[in-house]
Each structure stands twice: as C-alpha cells, then as structure tokens.
Protein backbone atom coordinates (compact mmCIF):
# COMPACT_ATOMS: atom_id res chain seq x y z
CA MET A 1 -83.37 -2.61 36.07
CA LYS A 2 -83.55 -2.99 32.30
CA SER A 3 -84.86 -6.20 30.79
CA ILE A 4 -82.76 -8.38 28.47
CA GLN A 5 -84.81 -7.13 25.51
CA GLN A 6 -84.12 -3.50 26.44
CA LEU A 7 -80.41 -4.21 26.81
CA ARG A 8 -80.38 -5.92 23.41
CA GLU A 9 -82.08 -2.93 21.84
CA SER A 10 -79.40 -0.67 23.34
CA ILE A 11 -76.72 -2.94 21.89
CA ASP A 12 -78.46 -2.87 18.50
CA SER A 13 -78.40 0.94 18.57
CA ILE A 14 -74.68 0.95 19.37
CA ASP A 15 -74.03 -1.59 16.60
CA ASP A 16 -75.83 0.68 14.14
CA SER A 17 -73.55 3.55 15.18
CA ILE A 18 -70.45 1.37 14.88
CA LEU A 19 -71.48 0.32 11.38
CA LYS A 20 -71.99 3.94 10.28
CA LEU A 21 -68.53 4.86 11.60
CA LEU A 22 -66.94 1.83 9.90
CA VAL A 23 -68.54 2.81 6.59
CA LYS A 24 -67.10 6.31 7.04
CA ARG A 25 -63.68 4.86 7.94
CA MET A 26 -63.67 2.73 4.80
CA GLU A 27 -64.37 5.81 2.66
CA PHE A 28 -61.13 7.34 3.96
CA VAL A 29 -59.35 4.00 3.51
CA GLU A 30 -60.46 3.84 -0.12
CA GLU A 31 -59.09 7.33 -0.73
CA ILE A 32 -55.76 6.40 0.88
CA GLY A 33 -55.65 3.29 -1.31
CA ARG A 34 -56.10 5.43 -4.42
CA LEU A 35 -53.20 7.68 -3.38
CA LYS A 36 -51.00 4.65 -2.58
CA ARG A 37 -51.68 3.13 -5.99
CA GLU A 38 -50.81 6.42 -7.70
CA ASN A 39 -47.53 6.60 -5.78
CA ASN A 40 -46.84 2.82 -5.92
CA THR A 41 -46.68 2.72 -2.11
CA VAL A 42 -46.65 -0.47 -0.03
CA ILE A 43 -50.08 -1.24 1.43
CA TYR A 44 -49.02 -3.30 4.48
CA HIS A 45 -47.55 -1.19 7.29
CA PRO A 46 -47.34 -3.17 10.56
CA ASP A 47 -45.73 -0.19 12.31
CA ARG A 48 -48.78 1.99 11.53
CA GLU A 49 -51.12 -0.73 12.78
CA LYS A 50 -49.15 -1.04 16.03
CA GLU A 51 -49.24 2.73 16.42
CA ILE A 52 -53.05 2.72 16.13
CA VAL A 53 -53.47 -0.15 18.63
CA ASP A 54 -51.06 1.46 21.12
CA ARG A 55 -52.86 4.81 20.83
CA LEU A 56 -56.28 3.26 21.40
CA ALA A 57 -55.04 1.11 24.30
CA SER A 58 -53.73 4.23 26.03
CA LYS A 59 -57.29 5.62 26.25
CA TYR A 60 -60.04 4.55 28.63
CA THR A 61 -60.93 1.04 27.46
CA GLY A 62 -63.30 -0.18 30.17
CA LYS A 63 -63.44 -3.97 30.19
CA LEU A 64 -61.46 -4.24 26.93
CA SER A 65 -57.87 -5.41 27.32
CA LYS A 66 -55.18 -4.36 24.87
CA ALA A 67 -55.25 -7.89 23.41
CA ALA A 68 -59.00 -7.56 22.83
CA ILE A 69 -58.58 -4.17 21.14
CA GLU A 70 -55.83 -5.59 18.93
CA ALA A 71 -57.97 -8.60 17.94
CA ILE A 72 -60.89 -6.35 16.95
CA PHE A 73 -58.80 -3.85 15.03
CA LEU A 74 -56.67 -6.44 13.23
CA GLU A 75 -59.86 -7.56 11.50
CA ILE A 76 -60.68 -3.94 10.65
CA PHE A 77 -57.15 -3.49 9.29
CA GLY A 78 -57.56 -6.65 7.20
CA VAL A 79 -60.81 -5.40 5.66
CA SER A 80 -59.17 -2.00 5.07
CA ARG A 81 -56.16 -3.48 3.26
CA ASN A 82 -58.43 -5.60 1.08
CA LEU A 83 -60.35 -2.45 0.17
CA GLU A 84 -57.20 -0.38 -0.48
CA LEU A 85 -55.79 -2.99 -2.82
CA PRO A 86 -56.91 -6.64 -2.86
CA GLU A 87 -53.75 -8.69 -2.43
CA ILE A 88 -53.04 -12.41 -2.36
CA ILE A 89 -51.17 -13.84 0.63
CA SER A 90 -49.56 -17.27 0.34
CA PHE A 91 -48.71 -19.42 3.34
CA LEU A 92 -47.29 -22.81 4.16
CA GLY A 93 -50.36 -25.04 4.25
CA PRO A 94 -52.52 -26.84 4.76
CA GLU A 95 -55.48 -24.66 5.67
CA GLY A 96 -55.91 -24.64 9.41
CA SER A 97 -52.17 -24.92 10.06
CA PHE A 98 -50.39 -22.66 12.55
CA THR A 99 -48.89 -20.77 9.60
CA HIS A 100 -52.44 -20.13 8.36
CA GLN A 101 -53.32 -18.92 11.85
CA ALA A 102 -50.29 -16.61 11.84
CA ALA A 103 -51.23 -15.20 8.42
CA GLU A 104 -54.82 -14.58 9.45
CA SER A 105 -53.69 -12.91 12.68
CA ARG A 106 -51.94 -10.22 10.59
CA PHE A 107 -54.02 -9.97 7.42
CA GLY A 108 -57.49 -10.76 8.79
CA ALA A 109 -60.08 -13.36 7.86
CA VAL A 110 -61.24 -11.58 4.67
CA ALA A 111 -57.87 -11.56 2.86
CA ASP A 112 -57.34 -13.67 -0.27
CA TYR A 113 -55.14 -16.61 0.80
CA ILE A 114 -53.33 -19.36 -1.07
CA SER A 115 -52.36 -22.50 0.84
CA LEU A 116 -49.14 -24.00 -0.59
CA PRO A 117 -47.51 -27.36 0.14
CA SER A 118 -43.93 -26.25 0.85
CA ILE A 119 -41.86 -23.31 2.05
CA ARG A 120 -40.14 -23.22 -1.34
CA SER A 121 -43.49 -22.89 -3.13
CA VAL A 122 -44.36 -19.90 -0.90
CA PHE A 123 -41.08 -18.21 -1.89
CA ASP A 124 -41.80 -19.05 -5.56
CA SER A 125 -45.27 -17.50 -5.37
CA VAL A 126 -43.93 -14.19 -4.02
CA GLU A 127 -40.92 -14.12 -6.35
CA THR A 128 -43.10 -14.64 -9.45
CA GLY A 129 -45.75 -12.17 -8.30
CA ARG A 130 -48.51 -14.76 -7.91
CA ALA A 131 -48.75 -13.58 -4.30
CA LYS A 132 -47.97 -10.17 -2.86
CA TYR A 133 -46.84 -11.52 0.51
CA GLY A 134 -45.81 -14.91 1.85
CA VAL A 135 -45.94 -16.24 5.42
CA VAL A 136 -43.39 -18.88 6.44
CA PRO A 137 -42.15 -20.28 9.78
CA ILE A 138 -38.62 -19.32 10.80
CA GLU A 139 -38.24 -20.52 14.38
CA ASN A 140 -39.84 -22.43 17.25
CA ASN A 141 -38.53 -21.64 20.72
CA GLN A 142 -38.62 -25.34 21.64
CA GLU A 143 -37.33 -26.90 18.40
CA GLY A 144 -35.04 -24.18 16.97
CA MET A 145 -34.66 -22.62 13.51
CA VAL A 146 -36.38 -23.72 10.30
CA LYS A 147 -33.42 -24.50 8.04
CA GLU A 148 -35.28 -24.39 4.72
CA THR A 149 -36.55 -20.86 5.41
CA MET A 150 -33.04 -19.65 6.30
CA ASP A 151 -31.56 -21.18 3.13
CA LEU A 152 -34.22 -19.70 0.85
CA LEU A 153 -33.81 -16.23 2.39
CA ASN A 154 -30.12 -16.47 1.51
CA GLU A 155 -30.80 -17.72 -2.03
CA ARG A 156 -33.74 -15.56 -3.15
CA ASN A 157 -34.01 -11.82 -3.69
CA LEU A 158 -36.89 -11.31 -1.25
CA PHE A 159 -37.20 -9.25 1.91
CA ILE A 160 -38.51 -9.84 5.42
CA ILE A 161 -40.98 -7.04 6.14
CA SER A 162 -42.48 -8.27 9.41
CA GLU A 163 -42.38 -11.04 11.97
CA ILE A 164 -45.30 -12.75 13.68
CA ILE A 165 -45.07 -14.64 16.97
CA ILE A 166 -47.94 -16.89 18.02
CA PRO A 167 -48.30 -19.40 20.86
CA VAL A 168 -48.63 -23.02 19.82
CA ASN A 169 -51.93 -23.90 21.47
CA PHE A 170 -53.83 -27.14 20.85
CA CYS A 171 -57.47 -27.94 21.51
CA LEU A 172 -59.49 -31.14 21.64
CA ALA A 173 -62.39 -30.71 19.21
CA SER A 174 -65.25 -33.09 18.46
CA LYS A 175 -68.92 -33.27 17.51
CA GLU A 176 -69.40 -35.43 20.61
CA ASN A 177 -70.53 -33.57 23.73
CA SER A 178 -68.79 -35.94 26.10
CA ILE A 179 -65.25 -37.31 26.00
CA HIS A 180 -66.63 -40.67 27.17
CA GLN A 181 -68.29 -41.10 23.75
CA ILE A 182 -65.07 -40.50 21.79
CA GLN A 183 -63.77 -43.68 20.18
CA LYS A 184 -60.58 -42.33 18.55
CA ILE A 185 -58.45 -39.17 18.35
CA TYR A 186 -56.82 -37.98 15.14
CA SER A 187 -53.72 -35.77 15.10
CA LYS A 188 -50.16 -35.27 13.93
CA ASP A 189 -47.37 -37.04 15.85
CA ILE A 190 -45.92 -33.79 17.26
CA ALA A 191 -49.34 -32.75 18.63
CA PHE A 192 -49.68 -36.06 20.48
CA GLN A 193 -46.23 -35.49 21.96
CA GLN A 194 -46.92 -31.90 22.99
CA CYS A 195 -50.25 -32.82 24.64
CA LYS A 196 -49.00 -35.96 26.36
CA GLY A 197 -49.93 -34.78 29.87
CA PHE A 198 -53.57 -34.09 28.95
CA LEU A 199 -53.91 -37.38 27.08
CA GLN A 200 -52.49 -39.35 30.03
CA ASP A 201 -54.90 -37.64 32.42
CA TYR A 202 -58.02 -38.25 30.34
CA PHE A 203 -57.27 -41.19 28.03
CA SER A 204 -54.56 -43.30 29.72
CA HIS A 205 -56.85 -46.34 29.75
CA LYS A 206 -57.33 -46.30 25.97
CA PRO A 207 -55.58 -48.78 23.62
CA GLU A 208 -52.74 -47.60 21.38
CA ASP A 209 -54.89 -47.66 18.21
CA PHE A 210 -57.23 -45.13 19.86
CA PHE A 211 -54.68 -42.46 18.80
CA VAL A 212 -54.53 -42.19 14.99
CA GLN A 213 -51.61 -40.30 13.42
CA VAL A 214 -52.30 -38.26 10.28
CA ASP A 215 -50.29 -35.82 8.13
CA SER A 216 -51.50 -32.61 9.78
CA THR A 217 -53.72 -31.30 12.55
CA SER A 218 -55.90 -29.76 9.81
CA LYS A 219 -56.52 -33.19 8.34
CA ALA A 220 -57.29 -34.42 11.85
CA ALA A 221 -60.05 -31.81 12.17
CA LYS A 222 -61.47 -32.77 8.75
CA LEU A 223 -61.55 -36.46 9.70
CA ALA A 224 -63.16 -35.71 13.06
CA VAL A 225 -65.98 -33.86 11.28
CA GLU A 226 -66.63 -36.89 9.08
CA ASP A 227 -66.33 -39.37 11.97
CA THR A 228 -68.93 -38.40 14.58
CA LYS A 229 -67.41 -40.63 17.29
CA ALA A 230 -63.93 -39.13 16.84
CA ALA A 231 -62.03 -36.07 18.06
CA ALA A 232 -59.05 -34.08 16.82
CA LEU A 233 -56.06 -32.52 18.51
CA CYS A 234 -55.77 -29.41 16.39
CA SER A 235 -55.29 -25.65 16.23
CA HIS A 236 -58.12 -23.22 16.94
CA ILE A 237 -58.24 -22.14 13.31
CA ALA A 238 -58.58 -25.75 12.10
CA ALA A 239 -61.51 -26.27 14.45
CA LYS A 240 -63.05 -23.01 13.19
CA ILE A 241 -62.60 -23.87 9.49
CA TYR A 242 -64.31 -27.25 9.89
CA SER A 243 -66.96 -25.97 12.36
CA LEU A 244 -65.77 -28.50 14.92
CA PRO A 245 -66.84 -27.67 18.52
CA ILE A 246 -63.99 -27.33 21.03
CA LEU A 247 -64.32 -29.50 24.14
CA PHE A 248 -61.03 -28.53 25.82
CA ASP A 249 -58.81 -25.57 25.01
CA ASN A 250 -55.05 -24.96 25.54
CA ILE A 251 -54.26 -28.58 26.39
CA GLN A 252 -50.57 -28.49 25.41
CA ASP A 253 -48.02 -29.42 28.09
CA SER A 254 -45.96 -26.22 27.74
CA GLU A 255 -47.45 -22.73 27.85
CA ALA A 256 -44.10 -21.34 26.67
CA ASN A 257 -44.20 -22.99 23.23
CA GLN A 258 -44.13 -20.26 20.57
CA THR A 259 -43.41 -20.11 16.85
CA ARG A 260 -41.99 -17.15 14.97
CA PHE A 261 -43.01 -16.48 11.36
CA PHE A 262 -41.75 -14.10 8.67
CA ILE A 263 -43.81 -12.12 6.19
CA ILE A 264 -41.79 -11.94 2.96
CA SER A 265 -42.16 -9.56 0.02
CA LYS A 266 -40.40 -8.52 -3.19
CA VAL A 267 -40.32 -4.93 -1.92
CA GLU A 268 -38.46 -3.54 1.10
CA ASN A 269 -40.77 -1.94 3.64
CA LEU A 270 -38.33 0.24 5.57
CA LYS A 271 -39.59 2.40 8.37
CA LYS A 272 -37.95 3.00 11.72
CA THR A 273 -39.76 2.26 14.98
CA ASP A 274 -38.58 2.46 18.56
CA LYS A 275 -37.77 -1.27 18.56
CA ASP A 276 -36.37 -2.75 15.35
CA LYS A 277 -34.59 -5.89 14.27
CA THR A 278 -32.54 -6.59 11.14
CA SER A 279 -31.75 -9.99 9.62
CA LEU A 280 -28.59 -10.57 7.58
CA ALA A 281 -26.97 -13.41 5.64
CA ILE A 282 -23.18 -13.25 5.89
CA LYS A 283 -20.66 -15.20 3.84
CA LEU A 284 -17.13 -14.45 5.09
CA LYS A 285 -14.59 -14.00 2.29
CA HIS A 286 -11.58 -15.00 4.36
CA ASP A 287 -13.13 -17.68 6.52
CA ASP A 288 -10.00 -19.82 6.09
CA LYS A 289 -7.99 -17.34 8.14
CA PRO A 290 -7.83 -17.59 11.95
CA GLY A 291 -10.12 -15.11 13.69
CA ALA A 292 -12.35 -14.32 10.67
CA LEU A 293 -15.56 -14.78 12.63
CA LEU A 294 -14.11 -13.00 15.65
CA SER A 295 -13.23 -10.04 13.42
CA LEU A 296 -16.84 -9.88 12.19
CA LEU A 297 -18.21 -9.94 15.72
CA LYS A 298 -15.71 -7.26 16.73
CA ASP A 299 -17.02 -5.01 13.93
CA PHE A 300 -20.51 -5.24 15.42
CA GLU A 301 -19.14 -4.49 18.88
CA ASP A 302 -17.19 -1.47 17.63
CA VAL A 303 -20.36 0.23 16.36
CA GLN A 304 -22.37 -0.90 19.42
CA ILE A 305 -24.76 -3.27 17.66
CA ASN A 306 -26.24 -6.05 19.78
CA LEU A 307 -26.40 -9.49 18.15
CA LEU A 308 -29.64 -11.35 18.93
CA LYS A 309 -28.98 -14.58 17.04
CA ILE A 310 -26.30 -16.26 14.98
CA GLU A 311 -26.79 -19.57 13.15
CA SER A 312 -24.43 -21.28 10.70
CA ARG A 313 -25.63 -22.97 7.51
CA PRO A 314 -23.65 -24.93 4.89
CA GLN A 315 -22.82 -23.17 1.63
CA LYS A 316 -24.48 -25.22 -1.10
CA ASP A 317 -22.62 -23.60 -4.00
CA THR A 318 -19.26 -25.21 -3.20
CA HIS A 319 -17.75 -28.68 -2.86
CA GLU A 320 -15.87 -27.56 0.23
CA PHE A 321 -17.14 -27.67 3.80
CA LYS A 322 -17.87 -23.96 4.12
CA PHE A 323 -20.58 -22.12 5.99
CA TRP A 324 -22.55 -18.88 5.92
CA PHE A 325 -24.24 -17.21 8.87
CA PHE A 326 -27.81 -16.11 9.53
CA ILE A 327 -27.68 -13.20 11.97
CA ASP A 328 -30.34 -11.14 13.75
CA ILE A 329 -29.24 -7.79 15.16
CA GLU A 330 -30.92 -4.98 17.03
CA GLY A 331 -31.52 -1.92 14.86
CA ASN A 332 -32.72 -0.84 11.44
CA LYS A 333 -31.01 -0.58 8.06
CA LEU A 334 -31.66 3.17 8.29
CA ASP A 335 -29.55 3.45 11.48
CA ASP A 336 -26.06 4.95 11.06
CA ASN A 337 -24.27 2.12 12.87
CA VAL A 338 -26.05 -0.55 10.78
CA GLN A 339 -25.12 1.38 7.63
CA GLN A 340 -21.47 1.35 8.75
CA ILE A 341 -21.50 -2.45 8.95
CA LEU A 342 -23.33 -2.86 5.64
CA ASN A 343 -20.84 -0.54 3.89
CA LYS A 344 -17.74 -2.03 5.48
CA ARG A 345 -18.69 -5.60 4.59
CA LYS A 346 -20.83 -4.95 1.51
CA ASP A 347 -19.20 -7.85 -0.37
CA GLU A 348 -20.02 -10.29 2.42
CA ILE A 349 -23.46 -9.26 3.67
CA ILE A 350 -26.89 -9.85 2.12
CA PHE A 351 -29.52 -7.61 3.71
CA LEU A 352 -32.65 -9.69 4.39
CA GLY A 353 -34.89 -7.11 6.02
CA SER A 354 -35.54 -4.68 8.85
CA TYR A 355 -38.78 -4.97 10.78
CA MET A 356 -40.39 -4.35 14.15
CA ASN A 357 -38.93 -6.57 16.88
CA LEU A 358 -41.80 -8.43 18.56
CA CYS A 359 -39.64 -10.76 20.70
C-alpha cells in the first residue's frame, strides 16, 4: 500500500498535467476570442457550455457526479471568457447576496463584477454599456414574481439571454467553534423566517434580542466577523467572502425554495437548443372588447405553443386602469410557430428574449 506522501506525489504529478492541458486550452480560447472580436460575436454562450458539460458527463466519470463536473468546468469557462474578452457583470447587491451567488455560478469567481443597490441600477448599467451583462432576480417559487424586474423588461430595450435557477440555502456561520458560545445571531428578517425550525431546535431558550435583524445576510456575515461571539444566518457565498467558518449548512425549513434569475444584455443571443423558453411582454390593443385575452390565448393554441406563465402588470403610461401581460412560452424566436405569433401580433408584442429552459 502506498504511503500518504506517495499518494500526494501522484496527485502533484496529475496536477502538473492538468495545468499543462489548461494552459493549452487557454491558447485555443485566446484564438477564439480574437476571432469573436473580429466578427463582433457574443462571448457568452450558455448553450455551448451546457453542451460541453453534457458531453463530458456522458463519459466515464468515476466518482465525479455531473454536478461536480459542472462546478469544475463553470470555473474554467469563467476564466476562459475573461481571457477571450474581459467583461463587467453587474448584479443586484450587496456582495454575498443570492444574486451575487447566481452571477458567480454562471460567470465564475474571476469575472469582473459590480455590485449595485437596485434592480433599476443594474438595468441602467447594461443599457449605458457600463456593464456587458446584468444579473437580476425574476421569480421565487415560494414568493412569486419580482415586479420591478418585469416592469423594467417591458420598459427597456434589453434582452434576456439566459436564466439561472439556484436553491435558497442558508448556513449558520461563526468564528466560534461551539454554538453554546454564540451570544447573538445576525441576519435579515426573511432568513430568520425561513430558518425558523432550526432556530427553534437549537436556540429556543434564547431571549428575543439574541436575534438581531440587519439589512442583508451579507451584512450579517460582516458583523459576525467583527463580533467574535456572534454568528450569521447567511448564504454560502457571504460566508466565503468574509472567511467566516460554517457551523451548520442547509438549515432552511424548505428544501424546495428556489429563485430564478435573468441574465440581461443589450444584444440578442439567439441559438436554438432542444429545450427553449421565450419571454414576451404583451399589451393588447383592444383589451376593452370582450374576449380579447381569450383571443390571444387561442392564437397560441392554434399554433401549438404551450404557455408556461402569464402575469398581469399595470400599464404605467396611462391614467386608466389597464394592464399588460408578462408571458413565458415554450419555444424559440427562431421557431416557425413563434414567428407566426410575433408577426400576427407585432403591434402588441415586445420580444424579451429566447433562452435555454432550465425549469
């Protein structure tokens, strides 16, 4: 049997080989980046990244799960994109938020990020070119749609080029090694609510002022670093940013809690995959006539398009009580049946984007 030192030497040898191959990969990436810049081609292609992960996962992977392969290669993709063309990604802050976690899950840890204080400021940054891409929340499967994101998609000339879905997982992080030494817990009100079961099991005997509400889970992590007898209920990325050790992981009451995010861009990124989704904003011209909405839905049925979501929002450009609709459908703008709808109702529909359906 090999000793630990011998095994480590074997690992070192493999790491050296991996590094040589990564250097070679980046040489090809740099050449692709040069060609993309010459042809003004979009750098971010989530469909291509999925294709690579799926292809690798179909091979013999030993102890590596598909999720593990994806996690490793998403970082490689992030480094590659940064080498092809360094690009700024804005996201709804603060740093360590779930939106930050979503952005990093797609663009990697090495990307150039800007944390912004509002969804509107993320849209502004992309629209003005200060950022190439923006990451904003659109929906939580427990709380529903994010109204500000829907409204801004309708108002601005930007496109959805991808969606990201991440589980909302909380951890208890602290510099203390034992929960018995913790004298207070910082977090946002919603985190306390979503981890109520864990807190009752471990801290039910504590006074009410033991739980300190702050503006964000990121701020909670920052305060817990500064206060050695404190802990934070926060995201994994917040704990990582502030180098705060995690005592308990995945302590939320519901394992089903997920949030959906959009990546927005000034440029359409159209490419068909085997599972696509398209988002539309629809303002009916004759919504004062009986059956106007039914007629719209019938048009989708006639061309065999499945509706995934329909939400109404008030029209803000009128004094009347009128509404427009945010709609998700199956399919891609490049599909014939989607084109039929877009052409038939071209004066009523704003195309928001076609992207790979991850739901």
